């Protein structure tokens, strides 16, 4: 019966499609699959030498060393700060701006273009602009504070940072604020576009029915807009958190290769990717690549756990039209 149906429908399998996909699979295996497998294996090679490939047996010593390194925990805290403080704040601001853009009729394209500019701005150039804004002596932020009679703040200079723990903590909070401001601004452009697309896909009949019933604007947003925008919100949150775990270039642009203000040797603003890259910078040192590989494996596992928890938490909370 099945053969007769196939003959009647003239079903034909064209295996040439695999030949067209072969180059893509080769590139995927060469630049993605192989590095992942090699990194995982290298993470279990103590004192791995990058040039010769020699190592001392197998073990998890480098995992213990990474977990006992205070710089790793500082990098973890900074990365989590970006993921679970900066990202939600950026989403809230983006949603408010998207609601405003969706409500206007004239010059909407112009405003969308203006808000999209951060997405096409070079990270290093944007970081230089922010360092100028927060400059201690001639920065825009201190100029604004001066209008209210507030003394200039050493946002980035870190003057006297090592003189006392109090000064160190103050410098750390200043650096966190700069990172927060940059991260929120950097995420606005893409988030606004995604939220704006989600808002424009909502069926207008819901709003028409609500207006006929005399429902207030706040109730419409709370009962109609936000629930129907939940698929977009979940997508934005999950992808933004994943990307935030890769934060590196922005920190370099803001604080330089020292991951902190001048005079700071503790790398106070280092991130997980920064920790990995910093270890790889000493690749000629035996065990440096092993430690970097172990940190990379830990980072991947953390991202997988966070994404799983996010999807589990949002399950049943997403509404579709």
Protein backbone atom coordinates (compact mmCIF):
# COMPACT_ATOMS: atom_id res chain seq x y z
CA UNK A 1 0.00 0.00 0.00
CA UNK A 2 2.82 2.39 0.94
CA UNK A 3 4.77 1.59 -2.23
CA UNK A 4 1.76 2.25 -4.42
CA UNK A 5 1.26 5.64 -2.74
CA UNK A 6 4.90 6.54 -3.32
CA UNK A 7 4.67 5.57 -6.96
CA UNK A 8 1.47 7.51 -7.39
CA UNK A 9 2.92 10.62 -5.74
CA UNK A 10 6.23 10.17 -7.58
CA UNK A 11 8.28 10.60 -4.41
CA UNK A 12 11.98 11.04 -5.11
CA UNK A 13 14.83 11.53 -2.66
CA UNK A 14 17.53 13.84 -3.95
CA UNK A 15 20.75 13.11 -2.08
CA UNK A 16 22.55 15.97 -3.81
CA UNK A 17 21.21 18.27 -1.07
CA UNK A 18 23.76 16.76 1.31
CA UNK A 19 26.54 17.87 -1.04
CA UNK A 20 25.31 21.45 -0.84
CA UNK A 21 25.23 21.25 2.96
CA UNK A 22 28.66 19.63 3.22
CA UNK A 23 30.72 22.88 3.17
CA UNK A 24 28.55 24.36 5.93
CA UNK A 25 28.91 21.21 8.04
CA UNK A 26 32.67 21.19 7.50
CA UNK A 27 32.98 24.81 8.63
CA UNK A 28 30.71 24.13 11.61
CA UNK A 29 32.79 21.15 12.65
CA UNK A 30 36.10 22.92 12.12
CA UNK A 31 35.32 26.21 13.88
CA UNK A 32 32.66 25.18 16.42
CA UNK A 33 32.47 21.46 17.23
CA UNK A 34 36.21 20.76 17.26
CA UNK A 35 37.13 23.77 19.48
CA UNK A 36 34.41 22.82 21.97
CA UNK A 37 35.62 19.21 22.20
CA UNK A 38 39.28 20.27 22.35
CA UNK A 39 38.57 22.81 25.10
CA UNK A 40 36.68 20.23 27.15
CA UNK A 41 39.53 17.70 26.84
CA UNK A 42 42.21 20.31 27.58
CA UNK A 43 40.44 21.31 30.78
CA UNK A 44 41.37 17.91 32.24
CA UNK A 45 45.07 18.17 31.34
CA UNK A 46 47.08 19.60 34.27
CA UNK A 47 50.07 21.78 33.35
CA UNK A 48 49.17 21.64 29.67
CA UNK A 49 51.82 23.22 27.43
CA UNK A 50 50.31 24.98 24.45
CA UNK A 51 53.28 24.70 22.08
CA UNK A 52 54.19 21.06 22.66
CA UNK A 53 50.88 19.62 23.84
CA UNK A 54 52.57 18.00 26.86
CA UNK A 55 50.71 17.64 30.15
CA UNK A 56 50.99 15.80 33.46
CA UNK A 57 48.39 13.07 33.38
CA UNK A 58 44.70 13.81 33.78
CA UNK A 59 42.68 15.38 36.57
CA UNK A 60 40.46 18.19 37.81
CA UNK A 61 43.14 20.16 39.63
CA UNK A 62 42.69 23.18 37.38
CA UNK A 63 38.97 23.20 38.15
CA UNK A 64 39.81 23.43 41.86
CA UNK A 65 42.34 26.19 41.19
CA UNK A 66 39.80 28.20 39.21
CA UNK A 67 37.10 27.77 41.85
CA UNK A 68 39.54 28.84 44.59
CA UNK A 69 40.72 31.92 42.70
CA UNK A 70 39.12 35.10 44.16
CA UNK A 71 39.48 36.82 40.78
CA UNK A 72 37.18 34.16 39.26
CA UNK A 73 34.47 34.88 41.84
CA UNK A 74 34.83 38.61 41.22
CA UNK A 75 34.44 37.94 37.50
CA UNK A 76 31.37 35.83 38.22
CA UNK A 77 29.74 38.55 40.33
CA UNK A 78 30.38 41.21 37.68
CA UNK A 79 28.95 38.97 34.96
CA UNK A 80 25.86 38.18 37.02
CA UNK A 81 25.45 41.90 37.67
CA UNK A 82 25.32 42.54 33.92
CA UNK A 83 22.98 39.60 33.32
CA UNK A 84 20.43 40.09 36.09
CA UNK A 85 20.62 43.81 36.88
CA UNK A 86 21.62 45.60 33.68
CA UNK A 87 19.58 43.42 31.31
CA UNK A 88 16.23 43.75 33.16
CA UNK A 89 16.71 47.52 33.56
CA UNK A 90 17.55 47.84 29.88
CA UNK A 91 14.43 45.84 29.01
CA UNK A 92 12.20 48.07 31.15
CA UNK A 93 13.56 51.28 29.60
CA UNK A 94 13.36 49.75 26.12
CA UNK A 95 9.75 48.68 26.65
CA UNK A 96 8.75 52.18 27.79
CA UNK A 97 10.45 53.74 24.78
CA UNK A 98 8.89 51.17 22.44
CA UNK A 99 5.44 51.95 23.84
CA UNK A 100 6.05 55.63 23.20
CA UNK A 101 7.35 55.04 19.67
CA UNK A 102 4.42 52.77 18.89
CA UNK A 103 1.98 55.50 19.92
CA UNK A 104 3.36 58.24 17.68
CA UNK A 105 2.50 58.48 13.99
CA UNK A 106 4.77 61.18 12.60
CA UNK A 107 8.53 60.77 12.25
CA UNK A 108 8.44 57.28 13.78
CA UNK A 109 11.07 56.06 11.32
CA UNK A 110 13.39 58.91 12.27
CA UNK A 111 13.18 58.12 15.98
CA UNK A 112 13.64 54.40 15.36
CA UNK A 113 16.77 55.17 13.33
CA UNK A 114 18.14 57.38 16.11
CA UNK A 115 17.55 54.73 18.77
CA UNK A 116 19.15 52.08 16.55
CA UNK A 117 22.45 53.97 16.29
CA UNK A 118 24.05 52.27 19.35
CA UNK A 119 23.70 48.93 17.55
CA UNK A 120 25.98 50.04 14.71
CA UNK A 121 28.41 52.00 16.87
CA UNK A 122 31.86 50.53 17.44
CA UNK A 123 32.25 49.20 20.98
CA UNK A 124 35.64 50.82 21.52
CA UNK A 125 34.39 54.18 20.23
CA UNK A 126 31.34 54.00 22.49
CA UNK A 127 33.56 53.12 25.44
CA UNK A 128 35.78 56.14 24.75
CA UNK A 129 32.70 58.37 24.72
CA UNK A 130 31.61 57.00 28.10
CA UNK A 131 35.08 57.46 29.59
CA UNK A 132 34.93 61.08 28.43
CA UNK A 133 31.46 61.53 29.97
CA UNK A 134 32.68 60.16 33.32
CA UNK A 135 36.06 61.90 33.27
CA UNK A 136 36.92 63.30 36.70
CA UNK A 137 38.15 66.72 35.56
CA UNK A 138 36.15 67.65 32.43
CA UNK A 139 33.47 64.98 32.12
CA UNK A 140 29.84 65.74 31.42
CA UNK A 141 28.61 63.83 34.48
CA UNK A 142 30.64 65.90 36.93
CA UNK A 143 29.58 69.06 35.09
CA UNK A 144 25.94 68.15 35.68
CA UNK A 145 26.66 67.37 39.33
CA UNK A 146 28.37 70.76 39.64
CA UNK A 147 25.13 72.49 38.64
CA UNK A 148 23.62 71.14 41.85
CA UNK A 149 26.61 72.07 43.99
CA UNK A 150 27.95 68.50 44.25
CA UNK A 151 31.70 67.97 44.37
CA UNK A 152 33.33 66.20 41.36
CA UNK A 153 33.43 62.42 41.65
CA UNK A 154 36.48 60.34 40.68
CA UNK A 155 34.43 57.97 38.50
CA UNK A 156 37.27 56.25 36.66
CA UNK A 157 40.54 57.71 37.93
CA UNK A 158 40.47 55.67 41.15
CA UNK A 159 42.50 58.22 43.08
CA UNK A 160 43.73 56.75 46.35
CA UNK A 161 42.07 53.44 45.56
CA UNK A 162 44.63 51.37 47.44
CA UNK A 163 44.88 53.62 50.49
CA UNK A 164 41.96 51.99 52.33
CA UNK A 165 39.23 49.34 51.87
CA UNK A 166 36.62 52.10 52.00
CA UNK A 167 38.14 53.92 49.02
CA UNK A 168 38.37 50.63 47.16
CA UNK A 169 34.67 49.88 47.74
CA UNK A 170 33.70 53.40 46.67
CA UNK A 171 35.76 53.06 43.48
CA UNK A 172 34.13 49.70 42.83
CA UNK A 173 30.64 51.17 43.18
CA UNK A 174 31.57 54.01 40.82
CA UNK A 175 32.86 51.51 38.27
CA UNK A 176 29.71 49.41 38.63
CA UNK A 177 27.59 52.48 37.93
CA UNK A 178 29.57 53.21 34.75
CA UNK A 179 29.21 49.60 33.62
CA UNK A 180 25.49 49.73 34.44
CA UNK A 181 24.96 52.93 32.43
CA UNK A 182 26.86 51.57 29.45
CA UNK A 183 25.15 48.16 29.49
CA UNK A 184 21.66 49.67 29.71
CA UNK A 185 22.42 52.09 26.87
CA UNK A 186 24.05 49.41 24.75
CA UNK A 187 21.02 47.12 24.94
CA UNK A 188 18.42 49.76 24.15
CA UNK A 189 18.64 49.70 20.36
CA UNK A 190 18.01 46.00 19.73
CA UNK A 191 15.49 45.69 22.56
CA UNK A 192 13.46 48.63 21.27
CA UNK A 193 13.28 47.13 17.77
CA UNK A 194 12.19 43.74 19.10
CA UNK A 195 9.57 45.20 21.42
CA UNK A 196 8.32 47.51 18.67
CA UNK A 197 7.93 44.55 16.34
CA UNK A 198 6.05 42.64 19.02
CA UNK A 199 3.73 45.58 19.69
CA UNK A 200 2.90 45.99 16.01
CA UNK A 201 2.03 42.29 15.73
CA UNK A 202 -0.69 42.51 18.39
CA UNK A 203 -4.15 42.38 16.85
CA UNK A 204 -5.75 45.83 17.00
CA UNK A 205 -9.18 44.30 17.67
CA UNK A 206 -8.18 43.76 21.31
CA UNK A 207 -7.58 47.47 21.78
CA UNK A 208 -10.75 48.41 19.92
CA UNK A 209 -12.84 46.15 22.15
CA UNK A 210 -11.17 47.55 25.27
CA UNK A 211 -11.77 51.15 24.17
CA UNK A 212 -15.45 50.41 23.56
CA UNK A 213 -15.69 49.10 27.12
CA UNK A 214 -14.05 52.26 28.47
CA UNK A 215 -10.97 50.48 29.84
CA UNK A 216 -8.20 52.78 31.09
CA UNK A 217 -4.88 52.96 29.26
CA UNK A 218 -2.95 51.48 32.19
CA UNK A 219 -5.35 48.53 32.36
CA UNK A 220 -4.97 47.98 28.60
CA UNK A 221 -1.20 47.85 28.97
CA UNK A 222 -1.37 45.56 32.00
CA UNK A 223 -4.11 43.21 30.79
CA UNK A 224 -3.60 43.19 27.01
CA UNK A 225 -0.24 44.56 25.90
CA UNK A 226 2.09 42.93 28.43
CA UNK A 227 0.52 39.43 28.27
CA UNK A 228 0.47 39.39 24.45
CA UNK A 229 4.01 40.76 24.42
CA UNK A 230 5.26 37.97 26.68
CA UNK A 231 6.71 35.82 23.83
CA UNK A 232 8.87 38.75 22.73
CA UNK A 233 9.79 39.56 26.34
CA UNK A 234 10.92 36.00 27.03
CA UNK A 235 12.96 35.90 23.82
CA UNK A 236 14.63 39.23 24.61
CA UNK A 237 15.39 38.23 28.20
CA UNK A 238 16.81 34.79 27.39
CA UNK A 239 18.98 35.93 24.48
CA UNK A 240 20.17 39.05 26.32
CA UNK A 241 21.23 37.04 29.36
CA UNK A 242 23.12 34.62 27.12
CA UNK A 243 24.91 37.50 25.38
CA UNK A 244 25.67 39.17 28.72
CA UNK A 245 27.73 36.16 29.79
CA UNK A 246 29.99 37.00 26.83
CA UNK A 247 30.65 40.55 28.03
CA UNK A 248 34.28 41.44 27.41
CA UNK A 249 34.83 44.13 24.78
CA UNK A 250 32.66 46.66 26.61
CA UNK A 251 34.66 46.24 29.84
CA UNK A 252 37.93 46.62 27.94
CA UNK A 253 36.58 49.74 26.24
CA UNK A 254 35.58 51.28 29.57
CA UNK A 255 38.39 50.23 31.89
CA UNK A 256 41.22 49.04 29.66
CA UNK A 257 43.21 45.83 29.88
CA UNK A 258 43.64 46.21 33.64
CA UNK A 259 39.88 45.66 34.15
CA UNK A 260 39.71 48.53 36.60
CA UNK A 261 40.76 52.09 37.42
CA UNK A 262 44.45 53.07 37.24
CA UNK A 263 46.34 51.80 40.25
CA UNK A 264 44.04 48.80 40.74
CA UNK A 265 45.77 45.44 40.54
CA UNK A 266 42.79 43.35 41.67
CA UNK A 267 40.98 43.47 38.30
CA UNK A 268 37.83 44.65 40.04
CA UNK A 269 35.72 44.87 36.85
CA UNK A 270 36.80 41.64 35.18
CA UNK A 271 34.15 39.37 33.66
CA UNK A 272 34.13 35.62 33.04
CA UNK A 273 35.20 35.98 29.43
CA UNK A 274 37.79 38.51 30.57
CA UNK A 275 39.07 35.95 33.08
CA UNK A 276 39.42 33.37 30.30
CA UNK A 277 41.16 35.81 27.95
CA UNK A 278 43.46 36.98 30.74
CA UNK A 279 44.52 33.38 31.38
CA UNK A 280 45.07 32.79 27.67
CA UNK A 281 47.32 35.83 27.62
CA UNK A 282 49.86 33.71 29.52
CA UNK A 283 49.50 30.73 27.17
CA UNK A 284 53.24 30.01 27.31
CA UNK A 285 52.98 29.37 31.05
CA UNK A 286 52.34 25.68 31.81
CA UNK A 287 48.76 25.20 32.97
CA UNK A 288 47.46 28.59 31.81
CA UNK A 289 45.55 27.10 28.88
CA UNK A 290 44.22 24.35 31.16
CA UNK A 291 42.85 26.93 33.58
CA UNK A 292 41.33 28.95 30.74
CA UNK A 293 39.70 25.80 29.34
CA UNK A 294 38.32 24.86 32.76
CA UNK A 295 36.87 28.36 33.19
CA UNK A 296 35.34 28.14 29.71
CA UNK A 297 33.68 24.81 30.52
CA UNK A 298 32.32 26.27 33.77
CA UNK A 299 30.98 29.26 31.81
CA UNK A 300 29.19 27.03 29.30
CA UNK A 301 27.65 24.93 32.08
CA UNK A 302 26.47 28.07 33.87
CA UNK A 303 24.84 29.41 30.69
CA UNK A 304 23.08 26.09 30.13
CA UNK A 305 21.78 26.03 33.71
CA UNK A 306 20.62 29.66 33.57
CA UNK A 307 18.81 29.14 30.25
CA UNK A 308 17.14 25.98 31.57
CA UNK A 309 15.94 27.79 34.70
CA UNK A 310 14.72 30.72 32.61
CA UNK A 311 12.70 28.51 30.27
CA UNK A 312 11.30 26.53 33.18
CA UNK A 313 10.33 29.70 35.05
CA UNK A 314 8.63 31.24 32.01
CA UNK A 315 6.77 28.04 31.08
CA UNK A 316 3.05 28.66 31.33
CA UNK A 317 3.57 32.43 31.61
CA UNK A 318 3.72 33.08 27.87
CA UNK A 319 0.48 34.04 26.13
CA UNK A 320 -0.15 33.78 22.41
CA UNK A 321 -2.88 35.37 20.34
